Amino acid sequence: MTRHFAALLAVVVTALAALAGPGHAADKVVMRINFTPWGMHAPFYGGKVQGFYEQEGIDLEIRPPSAGQQNEIFIATDREQFGLANADGFIKARGSGLPVVAIMADEPDNPFSVITLKKSGIDTPAKMKGKKMAWFPSNVKGLVEPLLARGGLTASDVEFVNVARGAEIQMLAAGQVDAAFGYAFGQALTLDMKGFPTSVMPVKDYGVQFYGTVLYTGDALLKSNPDLVRRFVRATMKSYLWTRDNMEKAVAEIVKVSPDRDLKLETQKLGIIYSLYDTPDYATRFGMMNDAKWQSSIDILHASGDLPKKPSPGEMYTNAVVEGLDEAKTLSQAVRGKAAH
């Protein structure tokens, strides 16, 4: 009788433990990323395969950006739960009244740069006078204006040539434009690897204080289910930490969903991105944000006419989730001082 009771008790205890654990009833979660999958998204795809989200009781689905609709709308209306956004689009969304809030910084500085070919000799802002620059219509001129000002120029001194994504690389290589506005770890690295050495002028080196990318959710979810938000960010931190030491494996998951991506190139891009995490912003915890940089980001957008209504810095973000996770400390220590490889 005692043996039967002990066996029954063991079954009950096991069942209760399973119910209490994070995996007993996985929360179905949709994350909307900011671009078709490439190297920067490797931590999410790699982390999912490694089971970090599952361990936190999350059944994660990653979706590429929607066609013809603002991604933030899905999260703001609670149809989807999380998103990775470029800060300019995110600020515009908040400024238009969408109730979204940043819960973790990804790229703490805007990665946009003016990219030229070395052979052109255009390697300072002053040399951009009268030049043609490939430009996406969605870009924000306020991001390049401080750089041009360092050379005594204004936006009217440069011819902005609107192009479709992907065309800027071919046009710069062919000499159809003199420069391109893009990422040092994106267009510049691609051109370098194709045999077109580049010069890069990052906007952050010319006085631009502007967030790069942020992880965000809706105000409603943050209030109604803070535990889910915390578990999602914790799983993401674990994914970033694993990816730091397994970059090629993580990028291989990107190649599975985006077969046109080159494993070697995307791994190099990811290495450069991880070097950006060695920043004073993350001195104590990975993903921390501050009022000053949000204010600067908002002001730049507003000054360039890209933001009709200015949100306040305080409504843009919360550090509460990151501050409550030991993983944020661990990840900060791991990425600080790590060079790209």
C-alpha atoms as a PDB file:
ATOM      1  CA  MET A   1       0.000   0.000   0.000  1.00  0.00           C
ATOM      2  CA  THR A   2       2.861   2.327   0.915  1.00  0.00           C
ATOM      3  CA  ARG A   3       4.631   1.553  -2.360  1.00  0.00           C
ATOM      4  CA  HIS A   4       1.468   2.304  -4.337  1.00  0.00           C
ATOM      5  CA  PHE A   5       0.954   5.558  -2.448  1.00  0.00           C
ATOM      6  CA  ALA A   6       4.571   6.603  -3.008  1.00  0.00           C
ATOM      7  CA  ALA A   7       4.288   5.850  -6.702  1.00  0.00           C
ATOM      8  CA  LEU A   8       1.026   7.799  -6.963  1.00  0.00           C
ATOM      9  CA  LEU A   9       2.538  10.718  -5.055  1.00  0.00           C
ATOM     10  CA  ALA A  10       5.516  10.770  -7.414  1.00  0.00           C
ATOM     11  CA  VAL A  11       3.203  10.946 -10.415  1.00  0.00           C
ATOM     12  CA  VAL A  12       1.227  13.803  -8.850  1.00  0.00           C
ATOM     13  CA  VAL A  13       4.372  15.742  -7.944  1.00  0.00           C
ATOM     14  CA  THR A  14       5.748  15.300 -11.468  1.00  0.00           C
ATOM     15  CA  ALA A  15       2.479  16.487 -12.978  1.00  0.00           C
ATOM     16  CA  LEU A  16       2.327  19.532 -10.714  1.00  0.00           C
ATOM     17  CA  ALA A  17       5.924  20.412 -11.529  1.00  0.00           C
ATOM     18  CA  ALA A  18       5.141  20.201 -15.211  1.00  0.00           C
ATOM     19  CA  LEU A  19       2.137  22.478 -14.766  1.00  0.00           C
ATOM     20  CA  ALA A  20       4.190  24.964 -12.798  1.00  0.00           C
ATOM     21  CA  GLY A  21       7.029  24.998 -15.322  1.00  0.00           C
ATOM     22  CA  PRO A  22       7.213  27.391 -18.245  1.00  0.00           C
ATOM     23  CA  GLY A  23       6.550  24.693 -20.803  1.00  0.00           C
ATOM     24  CA  HIS A  24       3.219  23.378 -19.539  1.00  0.00           C
ATOM     25  CA  ALA A  25       1.119  25.407 -21.943  1.00  0.00           C
ATOM     26  CA  ALA A  26       3.327  27.170 -24.433  1.00  0.00           C
ATOM     27  CA  ASP A  27       2.271  30.705 -25.294  1.00  0.00           C
ATOM     28  CA  LYS A  28       1.962  31.133 -29.039  1.00  0.00           C
ATOM     29  CA  VAL A  29       3.990  34.208 -29.887  1.00  0.00           C
ATOM     30  CA  VAL A  30       4.499  36.003 -33.181  1.00  0.00           C
ATOM     31  CA  MET A  31       7.554  38.165 -33.708  1.00  0.00           C
ATOM     32  CA  ARG A  32       7.625  40.519 -36.703  1.00  0.00           C
ATOM     33  CA  ILE A  33      11.146  41.363 -37.917  1.00  0.00           C
ATOM     34  CA  ASN A  34      12.189  44.501 -39.798  1.00  0.00           C
ATOM     35  CA  PHE A  35      13.516  42.994 -43.029  1.00  0.00           C
ATOM     36  CA  THR A  36      13.719  39.732 -44.908  1.00  0.00           C
ATOM     37  CA  PRO A  37      15.921  37.413 -42.817  1.00  0.00           C
ATOM     38  CA  TRP A  38      19.649  38.139 -42.930  1.00  0.00           C
ATOM     39  CA  GLY A  39      22.618  38.007 -40.560  1.00  0.00           C
ATOM     40  CA  MET A  40      21.241  40.406 -37.950  1.00  0.00           C
ATOM     41  CA  HIS A  41      18.291  38.076 -37.372  1.00  0.00           C
ATOM     42  CA  ALA A  42      20.432  34.997 -36.756  1.00  0.00           C
ATOM     43  CA  PRO A  43      20.088  35.109 -32.939  1.00  0.00           C
ATOM     44  CA  PHE A  44      16.309  34.746 -33.206  1.00  0.00           C
ATOM     45  CA  TYR A  45      16.330  31.896 -35.711  1.00  0.00           C
ATOM     46  CA  GLY A  46      19.293  30.196 -34.053  1.00  0.00           C
ATOM     47  CA  GLY A  47      17.834  30.640 -30.587  1.00  0.00           C
ATOM     48  CA  LYS A  48      14.540  29.139 -31.661  1.00  0.00           C
ATOM     49  CA  VAL A  49      16.262  26.032 -33.023  1.00  0.00           C
ATOM     50  CA  GLN A  50      18.346  25.737 -29.868  1.00  0.00           C
ATOM     51  CA  GLY A  51      15.136  25.657 -27.844  1.00  0.00           C
ATOM     52  CA  PHE A  52      15.661  28.800 -25.763  1.00  0.00           C
ATOM     53  CA  TYR A  53      12.158  30.112 -26.443  1.00  0.00           C
ATOM     54  CA  GLU A  54      10.612  26.708 -25.884  1.00  0.00           C
ATOM     55  CA  GLN A  55      12.402  26.505 -22.524  1.00  0.00           C
ATOM     56  CA  GLU A  56      10.623  29.720 -21.557  1.00  0.00           C
ATOM     57  CA  GLY A  57       7.240  28.298 -22.499  1.00  0.00           C
ATOM     58  CA  ILE A  58       7.065  30.148 -25.825  1.00  0.00           C
ATOM     59  CA  ASP A  59       6.012  28.727 -29.168  1.00  0.00           C
ATOM     60  CA  LEU A  60       7.704  31.309 -31.398  1.00  0.00           C
ATOM     61  CA  GLU A  61       6.797  32.154 -34.979  1.00  0.00           C
ATOM     62  CA  ILE A  62       9.043  34.651 -36.769  1.00  0.00           C
ATOM     63  CA  ARG A  63       7.484  36.592 -39.615  1.00  0.00           C
ATOM     64  CA  PRO A  64       9.163  38.895 -42.157  1.00  0.00           C
ATOM     65  CA  PRO A  65       7.911  42.475 -42.539  1.00  0.00           C
ATOM     66  CA  SER A  66       4.404  42.830 -43.869  1.00  0.00           C
ATOM     67  CA  ALA A  67       3.859  44.099 -47.379  1.00  0.00           C
ATOM     68  CA  GLY A  68       2.012  47.383 -47.521  1.00  0.00           C
ATOM     69  CA  GLN A  69       1.218  47.701 -43.823  1.00  0.00           C
ATOM     70  CA  GLN A  70       3.119  49.186 -40.909  1.00  0.00           C
ATOM     71  CA  ASN A  71       4.488  46.350 -38.773  1.00  0.00           C
ATOM     72  CA  GLU A  72       3.857  48.270 -35.558  1.00  0.00           C
ATOM     73  CA  ILE A  73       0.110  48.153 -36.215  1.00  0.00           C
ATOM     74  CA  PHE A  74       0.069  44.385 -35.678  1.00  0.00           C
ATOM     75  CA  ILE A  75       1.806  44.681 -32.317  1.00  0.00           C
ATOM     76  CA  ALA A  76      -0.102  47.783 -31.219  1.00  0.00           C
ATOM     77  CA  THR A  77      -3.429  46.024 -31.820  1.00  0.00           C
ATOM     78  CA  ASP A  78      -2.271  42.849 -30.017  1.00  0.00           C
ATOM     79  CA  ARG A  79      -2.659  40.697 -33.140  1.00  0.00           C
ATOM     80  CA  GLU A  80       1.051  39.949 -32.782  1.00  0.00           C
ATOM     81  CA  GLN A  81       3.210  40.152 -29.690  1.00  0.00           C
ATOM     82  CA  PHE A  82       6.728  41.385 -30.460  1.00  0.00           C
ATOM     83  CA  GLY A  83       8.665  43.183 -33.141  1.00  0.00           C
ATOM     84  CA  LEU A  84      12.159  44.218 -34.130  1.00  0.00           C
ATOM     85  CA  ALA A  85      12.083  47.724 -35.591  1.00  0.00           C
ATOM     86  CA  ASN A  86      14.340  50.382 -36.999  1.00  0.00           C
ATOM     87  CA  ALA A  87      14.182  53.290 -34.573  1.00  0.00           C
ATOM     88  CA  ASP A  88      13.020  55.830 -37.151  1.00  0.00           C
ATOM     89  CA  GLY A  89       9.960  53.794 -38.108  1.00  0.00           C
ATOM     90  CA  PHE A  90       9.304  52.999 -34.474  1.00  0.00           C
ATOM     91  CA  ILE A  91       9.361  56.666 -33.462  1.00  0.00           C
ATOM     92  CA  LYS A  92       7.014  57.530 -36.317  1.00  0.00           C
ATOM     93  CA  ALA A  93       4.636  54.801 -35.140  1.00  0.00           C
ATOM     94  CA  ARG A  94       4.622  56.095 -31.573  1.00  0.00           C
ATOM     95  CA  GLY A  95       4.286  59.650 -32.817  1.00  0.00           C
ATOM     96  CA  SER A  96       1.232  58.665 -34.838  1.00  0.00           C
ATOM     97  CA  GLY A  97      -0.422  57.368 -31.676  1.00  0.00           C
ATOM     98  CA  LEU A  98       0.289  53.644 -31.892  1.00  0.00           C
ATOM     99  CA  PRO A  99       0.701  52.239 -28.338  1.00  0.00           C
ATOM    100  CA  VAL A 100       4.024  50.438 -28.748  1.00  0.00           C
ATOM    101  CA  VAL A 101       6.975  50.493 -26.371  1.00  0.00           C
ATOM    102  CA  ALA A 102      10.639  49.477 -26.738  1.00  0.00           C
ATOM    103  CA  ILE A 103      11.658  46.818 -24.203  1.00  0.00           C
ATOM    104  CA  MET A 104      15.275  46.228 -25.260  1.00  0.00           C
ATOM    105  CA  ALA A 105      17.742  48.063 -27.479  1.00  0.00           C
ATOM    106  CA  ASP A 106      19.415  45.925 -30.110  1.00  0.00           C
ATOM    107  CA  GLU A 107      21.753  48.194 -32.085  1.00  0.00           C
ATOM    108  CA  PRO A 108      22.399  51.101 -29.694  1.00  0.00           C
ATOM    109  CA  ASP A 109      23.577  53.425 -32.465  1.00  0.00           C
ATOM    110  CA  ASN A 110      22.213  54.012 -35.918  1.00  0.00           C
ATOM    111  CA  PRO A 111      24.326  51.997 -38.380  1.00  0.00           C
ATOM    112  CA  PHE A 112      23.673  54.179 -41.430  1.00  0.00           C
ATOM    113  CA  SER A 113      26.751  55.417 -43.257  1.00  0.00           C
ATOM    114  CA  VAL A 114      27.707  57.217 -46.439  1.00  0.00           C
ATOM    115  CA  ILE A 115      29.495  54.591 -48.527  1.00  0.00           C
ATOM    116  CA  THR A 116      31.796  55.408 -51.429  1.00  0.00           C
ATOM    117  CA  LEU A 117      34.354  53.515 -53.501  1.00  0.00           C
ATOM    118  CA  LYS A 118      37.940  54.048 -52.371  1.00  0.00           C
ATOM    119  CA  LYS A 119      39.049  54.745 -55.914  1.00  0.00           C
ATOM    120  CA  SER A 120      36.741  57.784 -56.005  1.00  0.00           C
ATOM    121  CA  GLY A 121      38.724  59.532 -53.280  1.00  0.00           C
ATOM    122  CA  ILE A 122      35.478  60.667 -51.621  1.00  0.00           C
ATOM    123  CA  ASP A 123      36.295  60.019 -47.987  1.00  0.00           C
ATOM    124  CA  THR A 124      35.204  63.195 -46.165  1.00  0.00           C
ATOM    125  CA  PRO A 125      31.857  64.995 -46.031  1.00  0.00           C
ATOM    126  CA  ALA A 126      33.238  68.041 -47.865  1.00  0.00           C
ATOM    127  CA  LYS A 127      33.998  65.893 -50.903  1.00  0.00           C
ATOM    128  CA  MET A 128      30.300  65.034 -51.268  1.00  0.00           C
ATOM    129  CA  LYS A 129      29.513  68.440 -52.819  1.00  0.00           C
ATOM    130  CA  GLY A 130      27.704  67.989 -56.126  1.00  0.00           C
ATOM    131  CA  LYS A 131      27.788  64.197 -55.878  1.00  0.00           C
ATOM    132  CA  LYS A 132      25.004  61.679 -56.495  1.00  0.00           C
ATOM    133  CA  MET A 133      23.975  59.443 -53.614  1.00  0.00           C
ATOM    134  CA  ALA A 134      21.765  56.355 -53.909  1.00  0.00           C
ATOM    135  CA  TRP A 135      18.858  56.833 -51.519  1.00  0.00           C
ATOM    136  CA  PHE A 136      15.870  54.768 -50.399  1.00  0.00           C
ATOM    137  CA  PRO A 137      12.682  56.869 -50.318  1.00  0.00           C
ATOM    138  CA  SER A 138      12.042  55.662 -46.755  1.00  0.00           C
ATOM    139  CA  ASN A 139      15.369  57.043 -45.521  1.00  0.00           C
ATOM    140  CA  VAL A 140      15.502  60.066 -43.210  1.00  0.00           C
ATOM    141  CA  LYS A 141      17.549  63.012 -44.470  1.00  0.00           C
ATOM    142  CA  GLY A 142      17.930  64.205 -40.909  1.00  0.00           C
ATOM    143  CA  LEU A 143      20.362  61.321 -40.381  1.00  0.00           C
ATOM    144  CA  VAL A 144      22.785  62.510 -43.056  1.00  0.00           C
ATOM    145  CA  GLU A 145      22.451  66.273 -42.581  1.00  0.00           C
ATOM    146  CA  PRO A 146      24.813  66.485 -39.530  1.00  0.00           C
ATOM    147  CA  LEU A 147      27.454  64.582 -41.519  1.00  0.00           C
ATOM    148  CA  LEU A 148      27.134  66.944 -44.482  1.00  0.00           C
ATOM    149  CA  ALA A 149      27.259  69.943 -42.127  1.00  0.00           C
ATOM    150  CA  ARG A 150      30.706  68.836 -40.938  1.00  0.00           C
ATOM    151  CA  GLY A 151      31.841  69.417 -44.520  1.00  0.00           C
ATOM    152  CA  GLY A 152      30.116  72.772 -44.740  1.00  0.00           C
ATOM    153  CA  LEU A 153      27.338  71.309 -46.880  1.00  0.00           C
ATOM    154  CA  THR A 154      23.574  71.011 -46.733  1.00  0.00           C
ATOM    155  CA  ALA A 155      21.274  68.408 -48.260  1.00  0.00           C
ATOM    156  CA  SER A 156      20.786  70.670 -51.281  1.00  0.00           C
ATOM    157  CA  ASP A 157      24.494  70.238 -52.125  1.00  0.00           C
ATOM    158  CA  VAL A 158      23.937  66.535 -52.835  1.00  0.00           C
ATOM    159  CA  GLU A 159      21.746  64.880 -55.461  1.00  0.00           C
ATOM    160  CA  PHE A 160      19.658  62.161 -53.808  1.00  0.00           C
ATOM    161  CA  VAL A 161      18.879  59.428 -56.341  1.00  0.00           C
ATOM    162  CA  ASN A 162      15.903  57.324 -55.272  1.00  0.00           C
ATOM    163  CA  VAL A 163      16.560  53.619 -55.836  1.00  0.00           C
ATOM    164  CA  ALA A 164      14.958  50.282 -55.002  1.00  0.00           C
ATOM    165  CA  ARG A 165      16.623  48.126 -52.368  1.00  0.00           C
ATOM    166  CA  GLY A 166      19.462  46.142 -53.882  1.00  0.00           C
ATOM    167  CA  ALA A 167      20.008  48.515 -56.798  1.00  0.00           C
ATOM    168  CA  GLU A 168      22.303  50.801 -54.798  1.00  0.00           C
ATOM    169  CA  ILE A 169      25.128  48.249 -54.781  1.00  0.00           C
ATOM    170  CA  GLN A 170      25.097  47.719 -58.537  1.00  0.00           C
ATOM    171  CA  MET A 171      24.775  51.443 -59.232  1.00  0.00           C
ATOM    172  CA  LEU A 172      27.706  52.360 -56.995  1.00  0.00           C
ATOM    173  CA  ALA A 173      29.891  49.609 -58.437  1.00  0.00           C
ATOM    174  CA  ALA A 174      29.007  50.732 -61.962  1.00  0.00           C
ATOM    175  CA  GLY A 175      29.744  54.381 -61.231  1.00  0.00           C
ATOM    176  CA  GLN A 176      26.147  55.481 -61.811  1.00  0.00           C
ATOM    177  CA  VAL A 177      26.184  57.143 -58.378  1.00  0.00           C
ATOM    178  CA  ASP A 178      29.079  58.452 -56.315  1.00  0.00           C
ATOM    179  CA  ALA A 179      27.851  57.215 -52.939  1.00  0.00           C
ATOM    180  CA  ALA A 180      25.174  55.148 -51.251  1.00  0.00           C
ATOM    181  CA  PHE A 181      23.445  55.616 -47.933  1.00  0.00           C
ATOM    182  CA  GLY A 182      23.532  52.223 -46.250  1.00  0.00           C
ATOM    183  CA  TYR A 183      25.123  49.997 -43.632  1.00  0.00           C
ATOM    184  CA  ALA A 184      28.858  49.470 -43.199  1.00  0.00           C
ATOM    185  CA  PHE A 185      28.090  45.831 -42.386  1.00  0.00           C
ATOM    186  CA  GLY A 186      25.627  45.576 -45.260  1.00  0.00           C
ATOM    187  CA  GLN A 187      26.256  47.297 -48.573  1.00  0.00           C
ATOM    188  CA  ALA A 188      29.885  48.232 -47.803  1.00  0.00           C
ATOM    189  CA  LEU A 189      30.910  44.722 -46.800  1.00  0.00           C
ATOM    190  CA  THR A 190      29.123  43.240 -49.819  1.00  0.00           C
ATOM    191  CA  LEU A 191      30.975  45.600 -52.159  1.00  0.00           C
ATOM    192  CA  ASP A 192      34.307  44.873 -50.448  1.00  0.00           C
ATOM    193  CA  MET A 193      33.802  41.141 -50.914  1.00  0.00           C
ATOM    194  CA  LYS A 194      32.897  41.637 -54.575  1.00  0.00           C
ATOM    195  CA  GLY A 195      36.199  43.397 -55.217  1.00  0.00           C
ATOM    196  CA  PHE A 196      35.069  47.011 -54.837  1.00  0.00           C
ATOM    197  CA  PRO A 197      36.918  48.406 -51.775  1.00  0.00           C
ATOM    198  CA  THR A 198      34.903  51.065 -49.970  1.00  0.00           C
ATOM    199  CA  SER A 199      35.320  54.088 -47.755  1.00  0.00           C
ATOM    200  CA  VAL A 200      32.721  54.419 -45.006  1.00  0.00           C
ATOM    201  CA  MET A 201      31.542  57.492 -43.133  1.00  0.00           C
ATOM    202  CA  PRO A 202      29.235  56.345 -40.272  1.00  0.00           C
ATOM    203  CA  VAL A 203      26.712  59.009 -39.287  1.00  0.00           C
ATOM    204  CA  LYS A 204      27.326  58.244 -35.608  1.00  0.00           C
ATOM    205  CA  ASP A 205      30.886  59.546 -36.026  1.00  0.00           C
ATOM    206  CA  TYR A 206      29.516  62.921 -37.097  1.00  0.00           C
ATOM    207  CA  GLY A 207      27.372  63.811 -34.129  1.00  0.00           C
ATOM    208  CA  VAL A 208      24.282  61.715 -34.858  1.00  0.00           C
ATOM    209  CA  GLN A 209      22.851  60.253 -31.646  1.00  0.00           C
ATOM    210  CA  PHE A 210      20.099  58.007 -32.927  1.00  0.00           C
ATOM    211  CA  TYR A 211      19.030  54.493 -31.962  1.00  0.00           C
ATOM    212  CA  GLY A 212      19.512  51.722 -34.482  1.00  0.00           C
ATOM    213  CA  THR A 213      17.115  48.844 -33.870  1.00  0.00           C
ATOM    214  CA  VAL A 214      14.936  48.010 -30.879  1.00  0.00           C
ATOM    215  CA  LEU A 215      12.851  45.106 -29.668  1.00  0.00           C
ATOM    216  CA  TYR A 216       9.331  46.213 -28.807  1.00  0.00           C
ATOM    217  CA  THR A 217       5.867  45.118 -27.758  1.00  0.00           C
ATOM    218  CA  GLY A 218       2.453  46.687 -27.263  1.00  0.00           C
ATOM    219  CA  ASP A 219       1.554  48.714 -24.199  1.00  0.00           C
ATOM    220  CA  ALA A 220      -1.409  46.400 -23.588  1.00  0.00           C
ATOM    221  CA  LEU A 221       0.678  43.198 -23.503  1.00  0.00           C
ATOM    222  CA  LEU A 222       3.288  44.785 -21.267  1.00  0.00           C
ATOM    223  CA  LYS A 223       0.574  45.651 -18.758  1.00  0.00           C
ATOM    224  CA  SER A 224      -1.560  42.506 -19.042  1.00  0.00           C
ATOM    225  CA  ASN A 225       1.161  39.865 -19.271  1.00  0.00           C
ATOM    226  CA  PRO A 226       4.525  41.199 -18.058  1.00  0.00           C
ATOM    227  CA  ASP A 227       5.659  37.640 -17.332  1.00  0.00           C
ATOM    228  CA  LEU A 228       5.419  36.708 -21.032  1.00  0.00           C
ATOM    229  CA  VAL A 229       7.390  39.812 -21.970  1.00  0.00           C
ATOM    230  CA  ARG A 230      10.056  38.950 -19.407  1.00  0.00           C
ATOM    231  CA  ARG A 231      10.309  35.349 -20.621  1.00  0.00           C
ATOM    232  CA  PHE A 232      10.569  36.465 -24.233  1.00  0.00           C
ATOM    233  CA  VAL A 233      13.388  38.896 -23.497  1.00  0.00           C
ATOM    234  CA  ARG A 234      15.170  36.322 -21.338  1.00  0.00           C
ATOM    235  CA  ALA A 235      15.037  33.758 -24.160  1.00  0.00           C
ATOM    236  CA  THR A 236      16.319  36.434 -26.544  1.00  0.00           C
ATOM    237  CA  MET A 237      19.239  37.226 -24.242  1.00  0.00           C
ATOM    238  CA  LYS A 238      20.112  33.530 -24.096  1.00  0.00           C
ATOM    239  CA  SER A 239      19.923  33.395 -27.884  1.00  0.00           C
ATOM    240  CA  TYR A 240      22.271  36.370 -28.282  1.00  0.00           C
ATOM    241  CA  LEU A 241      24.719  34.788 -25.857  1.00  0.00           C
ATOM    242  CA  TRP A 242      24.706  31.438 -27.679  1.00  0.00           C
ATOM    243  CA  THR A 243      25.032  33.145 -31.060  1.00  0.00           C
ATOM    244  CA  ARG A 244      28.090  35.082 -29.887  1.00  0.00           C
ATOM    245  CA  ASP A 245      30.057  31.816 -29.844  1.00  0.00           C
ATOM    246  CA  ASN A 246      28.179  30.033 -32.626  1.00  0.00           C
ATOM    247  CA  MET A 247      27.768  32.644 -35.332  1.00  0.00           C
ATOM    248  CA  GLU A 248      28.062  30.381 -38.345  1.00  0.00           C
ATOM    249  CA  LYS A 249      25.622  27.868 -36.883  1.00  0.00           C
ATOM    250  CA  ALA A 250      23.138  30.648 -36.188  1.00  0.00           C
ATOM    251  CA  VAL A 251      23.531  32.119 -39.673  1.00  0.00           C
ATOM    252  CA  ALA A 252      23.023  28.662 -41.171  1.00  0.00           C
ATOM    253  CA  GLU A 253      19.450  28.890 -39.870  1.00  0.00           C
ATOM    254  CA  ILE A 254      19.056  32.139 -41.818  1.00  0.00           C
ATOM    255  CA  VAL A 255      20.272  30.474 -45.007  1.00  0.00           C
ATOM    256  CA  LYS A 256      17.619  27.791 -44.536  1.00  0.00           C
ATOM    257  CA  VAL A 257      14.830  30.374 -44.727  1.00  0.00           C
ATOM    258  CA  SER A 258      16.663  32.743 -47.115  1.00  0.00           C
ATOM    259  CA  PRO A 259      18.605  30.467 -49.490  1.00  0.00           C
ATOM    260  CA  ASP A 260      19.911  33.436 -51.483  1.00  0.00           C
ATOM    261  CA  ARG A 261      21.966  34.578 -48.488  1.00  0.00           C
ATOM    262  CA  ASP A 262      25.681  33.714 -48.456  1.00  0.00           C
ATOM    263  CA  LEU A 263      26.758  31.938 -45.276  1.00  0.00           C
ATOM    264  CA  LYS A 264      30.239  33.456 -45.170  1.00  0.00           C
ATOM    265  CA  LEU A 265      29.093  36.999 -45.940  1.00  0.00           C
ATOM    266  CA  GLU A 266      26.214  36.976 -43.459  1.00  0.00           C
ATOM    267  CA  THR A 267      28.474  35.556 -40.738  1.00  0.00           C
ATOM    268  CA  GLN A 268      30.918  38.412 -41.305  1.00  0.00           C
ATOM    269  CA  LYS A 269      28.069  40.919 -41.100  1.00  0.00           C
ATOM    270  CA  LEU A 270      26.935  39.383 -37.822  1.00  0.00           C
ATOM    271  CA  GLY A 271      30.459  39.606 -36.420  1.00  0.00           C
ATOM    272  CA  ILE A 272      30.543  43.325 -37.149  1.00  0.00           C
ATOM    273  CA  ILE A 273      27.142  43.793 -35.522  1.00  0.00           C
ATOM    274  CA  TYR A 274      28.365  42.071 -32.369  1.00  0.00           C
ATOM    275  CA  SER A 275      31.312  44.473 -32.250  1.00  0.00           C
ATOM    276  CA  LEU A 276      28.769  47.319 -32.089  1.00  0.00           C
ATOM    277  CA  TYR A 277      27.528  45.892 -28.796  1.00  0.00           C
ATOM    278  CA  ASP A 278      30.806  46.924 -27.159  1.00  0.00           C
ATOM    279  CA  THR A 279      29.351  50.248 -26.098  1.00  0.00           C
ATOM    280  CA  PRO A 280      29.120  52.298 -22.885  1.00  0.00           C
ATOM    281  CA  ASP A 281      25.334  52.075 -23.303  1.00  0.00           C
ATOM    282  CA  TYR A 282      25.611  48.413 -22.309  1.00  0.00           C
ATOM    283  CA  ALA A 283      28.177  48.901 -19.539  1.00  0.00           C
ATOM    284  CA  THR A 284      26.003  47.259 -16.902  1.00  0.00           C
ATOM    285  CA  ARG A 285      23.244  45.463 -18.810  1.00  0.00           C
ATOM    286  CA  PHE A 286      22.697  44.607 -22.442  1.00  0.00           C
ATOM    287  CA  GLY A 287      19.776  46.422 -24.043  1.00  0.00           C
ATOM    288  CA  MET A 288      19.600  49.453 -21.754  1.00  0.00           C
ATOM    289  CA  MET A 289      18.194  52.708 -23.162  1.00  0.00           C
ATOM    290  CA  ASN A 290      18.160  56.315 -22.009  1.00  0.00           C
ATOM    291  CA  ASP A 291      16.143  59.518 -22.358  1.00  0.00           C
ATOM    292  CA  ALA A 292      18.957  61.517 -23.947  1.00  0.00           C
ATOM    293  CA  LYS A 293      19.401  59.288 -26.990  1.00  0.00           C
ATOM    294  CA  TRP A 294      15.647  58.926 -27.468  1.00  0.00           C
ATOM    295  CA  GLN A 295      15.283  62.707 -27.295  1.00  0.00           C
ATOM    296  CA  SER A 296      18.026  63.175 -29.867  1.00  0.00           C
ATOM    297  CA  SER A 297      16.454  60.552 -32.133  1.00  0.00           C
ATOM    298  CA  ILE A 298      13.064  62.238 -31.883  1.00  0.00           C
ATOM    299  CA  ASP A 299      14.529  65.707 -32.490  1.00  0.00           C
ATOM    300  CA  ILE A 300      16.410  64.617 -35.619  1.00  0.00           C
ATOM    301  CA  LEU A 301      13.270  63.122 -37.128  1.00  0.00           C
ATOM    302  CA  HIS A 302      11.178  66.149 -36.247  1.00  0.00           C
ATOM    303  CA  ALA A 303      13.731  68.671 -37.536  1.00  0.00           C
ATOM    304  CA  SER A 304      13.867  66.959 -40.908  1.00  0.00           C
ATOM    305  CA  GLY A 305      10.083  67.064 -41.268  1.00  0.00           C
ATOM    306  CA  ASP A 306       9.648  63.314 -40.852  1.00  0.00           C
ATOM    307  CA  LEU A 307       7.714  63.530 -37.592  1.00  0.00           C
ATOM    308  CA  PRO A 308       4.605  65.749 -37.472  1.00  0.00           C
ATOM    309  CA  LYS A 309       4.016  65.021 -33.776  1.00  0.00           C
ATOM    310  CA  LYS A 310       6.816  64.542 -31.244  1.00  0.00           C
ATOM    311  CA  PRO A 311       6.381  61.815 -28.618  1.00  0.00           C
ATOM    312  CA  SER A 312       8.201  62.247 -25.306  1.00  0.00           C
ATOM    313  CA  PRO A 313      11.299  60.113 -24.601  1.00  0.00           C
ATOM    314  CA  GLY A 314       9.669  58.550 -21.541  1.00  0.00           C
ATOM    315  CA  GLU A 315       6.821  57.015 -23.506  1.00  0.00           C
ATOM    316  CA  MET A 316       9.176  55.405 -26.024  1.00  0.00           C
ATOM    317  CA  TYR A 317      10.742  52.755 -23.817  1.00  0.00           C
ATOM    318  CA  THR A 318      11.084  50.922 -20.538  1.00  0.00           C
ATOM    319  CA  ASN A 319      14.218  49.461 -18.971  1.00  0.00           C
ATOM    320  CA  ALA A 320      12.196  47.541 -16.378  1.00  0.00           C
ATOM    321  CA  VAL A 321      12.384  44.214 -18.214  1.00  0.00           C
ATOM    322  CA  VAL A 322      16.125  44.359 -18.865  1.00  0.00           C
ATOM    323  CA  GLU A 323      16.819  45.560 -15.318  1.00  0.00           C
ATOM    324  CA  GLY A 324      15.014  42.517 -13.942  1.00  0.00           C
ATOM    325  CA  LEU A 325      17.077  39.913 -15.807  1.00  0.00           C
ATOM    326  CA  ASP A 326      20.435  38.525 -14.694  1.00  0.00           C
ATOM    327  CA  GLU A 327      20.934  37.415 -18.304  1.00  0.00           C
ATOM    328  CA  ALA A 328      21.268  41.087 -19.285  1.00  0.00           C
ATOM    329  CA  LYS A 329      24.304  41.357 -17.002  1.00  0.00           C
ATOM    330  CA  THR A 330      25.824  38.149 -18.337  1.00  0.00           C
ATOM    331  CA  LEU A 331      25.347  39.204 -21.947  1.00  0.00           C
ATOM    332  CA  SER A 332      26.806  42.649 -21.269  1.00  0.00           C
ATOM    333  CA  GLN A 333      29.953  41.094 -19.838  1.00  0.00           C
ATOM    334  CA  ALA A 334      30.196  38.689 -22.777  1.00  0.00           C
ATOM    335  CA  VAL A 335      29.907  41.216 -25.610  1.00  0.00           C
ATOM    336  CA  ARG A 336      31.821  44.121 -24.088  1.00  0.00           C
ATOM    337  CA  GLY A 337      35.288  44.157 -25.597  1.00  0.00           C
ATOM    338  CA  LYS A 338      34.561  41.404 -28.104  1.00  0.00           C
ATOM    339  CA  ALA A 339      35.902  42.268 -31.558  1.00  0.00           C
ATOM    340  CA  ALA A 340      34.225  41.244 -34.791  1.00  0.00           C
ATOM    341  CA  HIS A 341      35.438  37.977 -36.258  1.00  0.00           C
END
